[in-house]
Protein backbone atom coordinates (compact mmCIF):
# COMPACT_ATOMS: atom_id res chain seq x y z
CA UNK A 1 -106.64 12.45 -77.75
CA UNK A 2 -105.58 10.75 -74.45
CA UNK A 3 -106.94 7.42 -73.41
CA UNK A 4 -105.94 5.65 -69.83
CA UNK A 5 -105.58 1.77 -69.29
CA UNK A 6 -104.52 0.09 -66.14
CA UNK A 7 -103.08 -3.14 -66.33
CA UNK A 8 -101.54 -5.68 -63.07
CA UNK A 9 -97.41 -5.69 -63.70
CA UNK A 10 -96.10 -8.79 -61.66
CA UNK A 11 -92.98 -7.41 -59.29
CA UNK A 12 -90.60 -10.52 -59.87
CA UNK A 13 -90.93 -14.17 -61.31
CA UNK A 14 -90.90 -16.08 -57.85
CA UNK A 15 -93.93 -14.06 -56.46
CA UNK A 16 -97.72 -13.77 -56.98
CA UNK A 17 -97.12 -10.20 -56.06
CA UNK A 18 -97.90 -7.26 -58.54
CA UNK A 19 -98.73 -3.58 -58.71
CA UNK A 20 -101.29 -1.84 -60.77
CA UNK A 21 -99.98 1.11 -62.97
CA UNK A 22 -102.08 3.20 -65.11
CA UNK A 23 -100.49 3.69 -69.23
CA UNK A 24 -101.94 6.95 -70.69
CA UNK A 25 -102.27 6.39 -74.52
CA UNK A 26 -101.46 9.84 -76.50
CA UNK A 27 -102.89 9.56 -80.22
CA UNK A 28 -102.14 12.54 -82.85
CA UNK A 29 -104.99 11.81 -85.25
CA UNK A 30 -103.18 14.50 -87.53
CA UNK A 31 -100.51 13.24 -87.55
CA UNK A 32 -101.15 9.57 -87.34
CA UNK A 33 -99.08 8.78 -83.91
CA UNK A 34 -99.47 7.32 -81.49
CA UNK A 35 -97.58 7.33 -77.70
CA UNK A 36 -98.40 5.53 -74.22
CA UNK A 37 -97.13 7.01 -71.28
CA UNK A 38 -96.66 4.67 -68.38
CA UNK A 39 -97.37 6.09 -64.73
CA UNK A 40 -97.24 4.14 -60.71
CA UNK A 41 -101.35 4.55 -60.38
CA UNK A 42 -100.64 4.67 -56.78
CA UNK A 43 -104.85 5.27 -56.29
CA UNK A 44 -105.73 1.59 -57.50
CA UNK A 45 -103.01 -0.47 -55.34
CA UNK A 46 -104.16 0.82 -52.29
CA UNK A 47 -108.26 -0.01 -53.24
CA UNK A 48 -106.89 -3.24 -54.46
CA UNK A 49 -104.55 -3.94 -51.42
CA UNK A 50 -107.62 -2.92 -49.41
CA UNK A 51 -110.03 -5.33 -51.27
CA UNK A 52 -107.36 -8.03 -50.54
CA UNK A 53 -107.27 -7.61 -47.05
CA UNK A 54 -110.52 -8.04 -47.15
CA UNK A 55 -110.52 -11.10 -48.62
CA UNK A 56 -108.08 -12.72 -46.98
CA UNK A 57 -110.52 -11.64 -43.60
CA UNK A 58 -113.17 -13.53 -44.86
CA UNK A 59 -111.49 -16.52 -45.84
CA UNK A 60 -109.92 -17.01 -42.11
CA UNK A 61 -113.22 -16.16 -40.94
CA UNK A 62 -114.24 -19.16 -42.57
CA UNK A 63 -111.50 -21.37 -41.67
CA UNK A 64 -112.49 -20.69 -38.04
CA UNK A 65 -116.03 -21.31 -38.76
CA UNK A 66 -115.04 -24.83 -40.54
CA UNK A 67 -112.62 -25.61 -37.53
CA UNK A 68 -115.68 -24.37 -34.73
CA UNK A 69 -118.28 -27.11 -36.47
CA UNK A 70 -115.87 -29.83 -35.99
CA UNK A 71 -115.61 -29.13 -32.54
CA UNK A 72 -119.22 -29.16 -32.35
CA UNK A 73 -119.88 -32.21 -34.14
CA UNK A 74 -117.68 -33.62 -31.72
CA UNK A 75 -119.23 -32.38 -28.43
CA UNK A 76 -122.48 -34.11 -29.95
CA UNK A 77 -120.85 -36.96 -30.09
CA UNK A 78 -119.73 -36.99 -26.40
CA UNK A 79 -122.62 -35.51 -25.41
CA UNK A 80 -124.55 -38.04 -27.43
CA UNK A 81 -122.26 -40.84 -25.66
CA UNK A 82 -121.57 -41.77 -29.31
CA UNK A 83 -117.60 -40.85 -28.39
CA UNK A 84 -116.11 -40.34 -25.01
CA UNK A 85 -113.91 -37.00 -24.64
CA UNK A 86 -110.77 -39.73 -24.09
CA UNK A 87 -111.90 -41.99 -26.81
CA UNK A 88 -111.85 -39.26 -29.32
CA UNK A 89 -108.03 -37.73 -27.75
CA UNK A 90 -107.18 -41.65 -28.74
CA UNK A 91 -108.59 -41.48 -32.35
CA UNK A 92 -106.31 -39.00 -33.20
CA UNK A 93 -103.43 -40.02 -31.27
CA UNK A 94 -103.34 -43.13 -32.71
CA UNK A 95 -104.07 -41.67 -36.45
CA UNK A 96 -100.82 -39.12 -35.93
CA UNK A 97 -98.74 -41.59 -34.95
CA UNK A 98 -99.17 -43.95 -37.88
CA UNK A 99 -99.06 -40.90 -40.48
CA UNK A 100 -96.14 -40.29 -38.53
CA UNK A 101 -94.53 -43.49 -39.56
CA UNK A 102 -95.15 -43.50 -43.08
CA UNK A 103 -93.63 -39.92 -42.89
CA UNK A 104 -90.78 -41.34 -42.03
CA UNK A 105 -90.77 -44.79 -43.97
CA UNK A 106 -92.72 -43.77 -46.90
CA UNK A 107 -90.84 -39.82 -47.90
CA UNK A 108 -92.41 -40.67 -51.74
CA UNK A 109 -96.05 -40.46 -50.48
CA UNK A 110 -95.30 -36.74 -49.82
CA UNK A 111 -97.10 -36.07 -46.57
CA UNK A 112 -96.53 -32.81 -44.71
CA UNK A 113 -96.67 -32.24 -41.04
CA UNK A 114 -99.57 -30.21 -41.42
CA UNK A 115 -101.50 -33.12 -43.16
CA UNK A 116 -100.76 -35.02 -40.28
CA UNK A 117 -101.57 -32.63 -37.63
CA UNK A 118 -104.89 -31.53 -39.61
CA UNK A 119 -105.74 -35.54 -40.07
CA UNK A 120 -105.27 -36.17 -36.86
CA UNK A 121 -108.32 -33.45 -36.00
CA UNK A 122 -110.79 -34.55 -38.30
CA UNK A 123 -110.43 -38.19 -36.80
CA UNK A 124 -112.36 -37.84 -34.20
CA UNK A 125 -115.04 -37.02 -36.54
CA UNK A 126 -115.42 -40.02 -38.32
CA UNK A 127 -118.52 -41.47 -36.79
CA UNK A 128 -120.65 -38.55 -37.22
CA UNK A 129 -123.14 -40.07 -39.11
CA UNK A 130 -123.81 -42.68 -36.38
CA UNK A 131 -125.92 -39.23 -34.98
CA UNK A 132 -128.31 -40.74 -37.20
CA UNK A 133 -128.78 -44.21 -35.50
CA UNK A 134 -130.52 -44.74 -33.09
CA UNK A 135 -128.83 -45.72 -29.44
CA UNK A 136 -130.47 -48.41 -28.71
CA UNK A 137 -129.00 -50.11 -32.24
CA UNK A 138 -125.07 -49.07 -31.41
CA UNK A 139 -125.33 -50.63 -27.91
CA UNK A 140 -127.00 -53.32 -28.36
CA UNK A 141 -125.35 -55.85 -26.72
CA UNK A 142 -127.13 -59.59 -28.27
CA UNK A 143 -126.43 -59.76 -32.42
CA UNK A 144 -127.52 -57.67 -34.60
CA UNK A 145 -130.53 -58.40 -37.17
CA UNK A 146 -129.94 -57.98 -40.48
CA UNK A 147 -132.05 -54.59 -40.56
CA UNK A 148 -130.03 -53.28 -37.92
CA UNK A 149 -126.58 -53.88 -39.55
CA UNK A 150 -127.57 -52.16 -42.79
CA UNK A 151 -129.02 -48.61 -40.79
CA UNK A 152 -125.47 -49.02 -39.10
CA UNK A 153 -123.46 -49.72 -42.56
CA UNK A 154 -125.06 -46.46 -43.64
CA UNK A 155 -123.68 -43.94 -41.58
CA UNK A 156 -120.40 -43.26 -43.67
CA UNK A 157 -123.13 -41.95 -46.06
CA UNK A 158 -124.55 -40.29 -43.96
CA UNK A 159 -121.33 -38.57 -42.17
CA UNK A 160 -119.98 -37.77 -45.58
CA UNK A 161 -123.39 -35.84 -46.30
CA UNK A 162 -122.92 -34.34 -43.14
CA UNK A 163 -119.63 -32.73 -44.18
CA UNK A 164 -120.75 -31.13 -47.36
CA UNK A 165 -123.07 -28.70 -45.28
CA UNK A 166 -119.28 -27.42 -43.40
CA UNK A 167 -118.36 -24.12 -44.28
CA UNK A 168 -116.54 -23.86 -47.64
CA UNK A 169 -113.75 -21.09 -48.83
CA UNK A 170 -111.10 -21.13 -51.04
CA UNK A 171 -108.57 -21.95 -48.24
CA UNK A 172 -110.60 -24.42 -46.69
CA UNK A 173 -110.91 -26.61 -50.04
CA UNK A 174 -108.39 -29.46 -49.02
CA UNK A 175 -110.06 -29.75 -45.62
CA UNK A 176 -113.43 -30.34 -47.16
CA UNK A 177 -112.14 -33.24 -49.17
CA UNK A 178 -110.09 -34.33 -46.03
CA UNK A 179 -113.18 -34.33 -43.84
CA UNK A 180 -115.46 -36.12 -46.69
CA UNK A 181 -113.51 -38.65 -47.28
CA UNK A 182 -112.82 -39.27 -43.74
CA UNK A 183 -116.10 -39.73 -43.61
CA UNK A 184 -117.19 -41.57 -46.03
CA UNK A 185 -114.07 -43.98 -46.33
CA UNK A 186 -113.24 -45.20 -43.25
CA UNK A 187 -114.72 -48.43 -43.47
CA UNK A 188 -113.55 -49.33 -46.91
CA UNK A 189 -110.56 -52.11 -46.58
CA UNK A 190 -107.49 -52.51 -49.13
CA UNK A 191 -109.41 -55.96 -50.46
CA UNK A 192 -112.54 -54.29 -51.50
CA UNK A 193 -114.52 -56.19 -49.32
CA UNK A 194 -115.49 -52.67 -47.21
CA UNK A 195 -118.33 -50.38 -47.67
CA UNK A 196 -120.19 -48.14 -48.42
CA UNK A 197 -118.22 -48.41 -51.97
CA UNK A 198 -116.95 -51.03 -51.60
CA UNK A 199 -113.16 -49.41 -52.58
CA UNK A 200 -109.95 -51.06 -53.41
CA UNK A 201 -106.30 -50.78 -53.11
CA UNK A 202 -105.13 -47.01 -53.45
CA UNK A 203 -108.30 -45.95 -54.50
CA UNK A 204 -109.01 -45.57 -50.70
CA UNK A 205 -107.90 -42.23 -49.83
CA UNK A 206 -104.59 -42.42 -47.38
CA UNK A 207 -106.40 -40.38 -44.54
CA UNK A 208 -109.11 -42.83 -45.06
CA UNK A 209 -107.33 -46.07 -44.59
CA UNK A 210 -105.02 -44.34 -41.40
CA UNK A 211 -108.34 -43.29 -39.74
CA UNK A 212 -109.85 -46.55 -40.07
CA UNK A 213 -106.94 -48.25 -39.21
CA UNK A 214 -106.87 -46.10 -36.14
CA UNK A 215 -110.11 -46.45 -35.17
CA UNK A 216 -110.42 -50.18 -35.80
CA UNK A 217 -107.81 -50.81 -33.16
CA UNK A 218 -109.52 -48.46 -31.08
CA UNK A 219 -112.42 -50.43 -31.16
CA UNK A 220 -110.50 -53.29 -30.05
CA UNK A 221 -108.70 -51.75 -26.80
CA UNK A 222 -112.06 -50.15 -25.56
CA UNK A 223 -115.14 -51.00 -23.92
CA UNK A 224 -118.23 -51.51 -25.55
CA UNK A 225 -121.41 -53.17 -24.47
CA UNK A 226 -121.48 -56.55 -27.28
CA UNK A 227 -117.50 -56.88 -26.32
CA UNK A 228 -114.75 -57.09 -23.72
CA UNK A 229 -111.95 -54.84 -23.79
CA UNK A 230 -109.03 -56.50 -24.86
CA UNK A 231 -105.23 -55.66 -24.61
CA UNK A 232 -103.07 -53.46 -27.29
CA UNK A 233 -100.52 -56.44 -27.77
CA UNK A 234 -103.91 -58.81 -28.61
CA UNK A 235 -105.38 -55.93 -30.76
CA UNK A 236 -102.23 -55.18 -32.62
CA UNK A 237 -102.14 -59.46 -33.94
CA UNK A 238 -105.27 -59.43 -35.08
CA UNK A 239 -105.36 -56.42 -36.69
CA UNK A 240 -102.14 -57.93 -38.69
CA UNK A 241 -103.56 -61.06 -38.84
CA UNK A 242 -106.87 -59.75 -40.63
CA UNK A 243 -109.39 -59.94 -38.11
CA UNK A 244 -110.52 -56.34 -38.51
CA UNK A 245 -110.30 -57.00 -42.62
CA UNK A 246 -107.46 -55.95 -45.00
CA UNK A 247 -104.98 -52.83 -44.82
CA UNK A 248 -101.92 -52.32 -47.14
CA UNK A 249 -98.67 -53.55 -46.56
CA UNK A 250 -96.77 -50.35 -46.13
CA UNK A 251 -99.90 -48.84 -43.71
CA UNK A 252 -99.53 -52.28 -41.01
CA UNK A 253 -95.97 -52.74 -41.22
CA UNK A 254 -96.21 -48.03 -40.03
CA UNK A 255 -98.93 -49.62 -37.73
CA UNK A 256 -96.61 -51.75 -36.20
CA UNK A 257 -93.97 -49.90 -35.52
CA UNK A 258 -96.15 -47.12 -33.98
CA UNK A 259 -97.54 -49.77 -31.66
CA UNK A 260 -94.64 -50.61 -30.11
CA UNK A 261 -93.80 -47.38 -28.60
CA UNK A 262 -93.93 -46.92 -24.79
CA UNK A 263 -96.45 -44.04 -24.83
CA UNK A 264 -98.57 -45.97 -27.50
CA UNK A 265 -99.20 -49.03 -25.22
CA UNK A 266 -99.56 -46.40 -21.85
CA UNK A 267 -102.57 -44.42 -23.97
CA UNK A 268 -104.02 -48.45 -24.95
CA UNK A 269 -104.13 -50.15 -21.08
């Protein structure tokens, strides 16, 4: 009697690559013996390879859909005059420069170039929750009422919920986490006096800390219906003095270094 078995054989200990192998078990019931012979299975492996290629193709399509969604939301923010195109570019730029300085000064953080590029591209959608805030509240010149302020303070929660509908796949798992954390936690502050969750210290994801600082700085150097534009130097000093809430010592040091570069000041002023 013969019985066919199939199993995967790893090609090397340093690789996830494998091949499918067919084993045939020969059993002689009269002699009470069994023998197994191994055969390279040429038919199974091509089918498995084809399935893997198809899965890879689908994952790449999901990743493209993810970034298309991010781009669409950025355009919606611009169309609704919640964020100007150049402002979105600035947020991404400031985020990238602060991250690069962190990578250089604190290698123990393990920040990769890919992480920097990813967070910089996601930074412009940090305020997508404001899509649900009435424009008259966002552009109000006078002091906000308590009710209006409560509506605005909900935008991180609204934005985070929106990210849950972003395309999901095995390759976008980290992207989905970044986008959620940035939207929900960019108004948290290191001393625990931010919102919406009152996170403290390193409870706040690093991506949200950096984007939150970049956002605070950009708000100071930009014109708003309720405030004048100030210089980059003034904005940096205000943030270092705690005018925009508490940030970590390491983050502030890197922010200060990054803001001294000529390209940074030209973009801000």
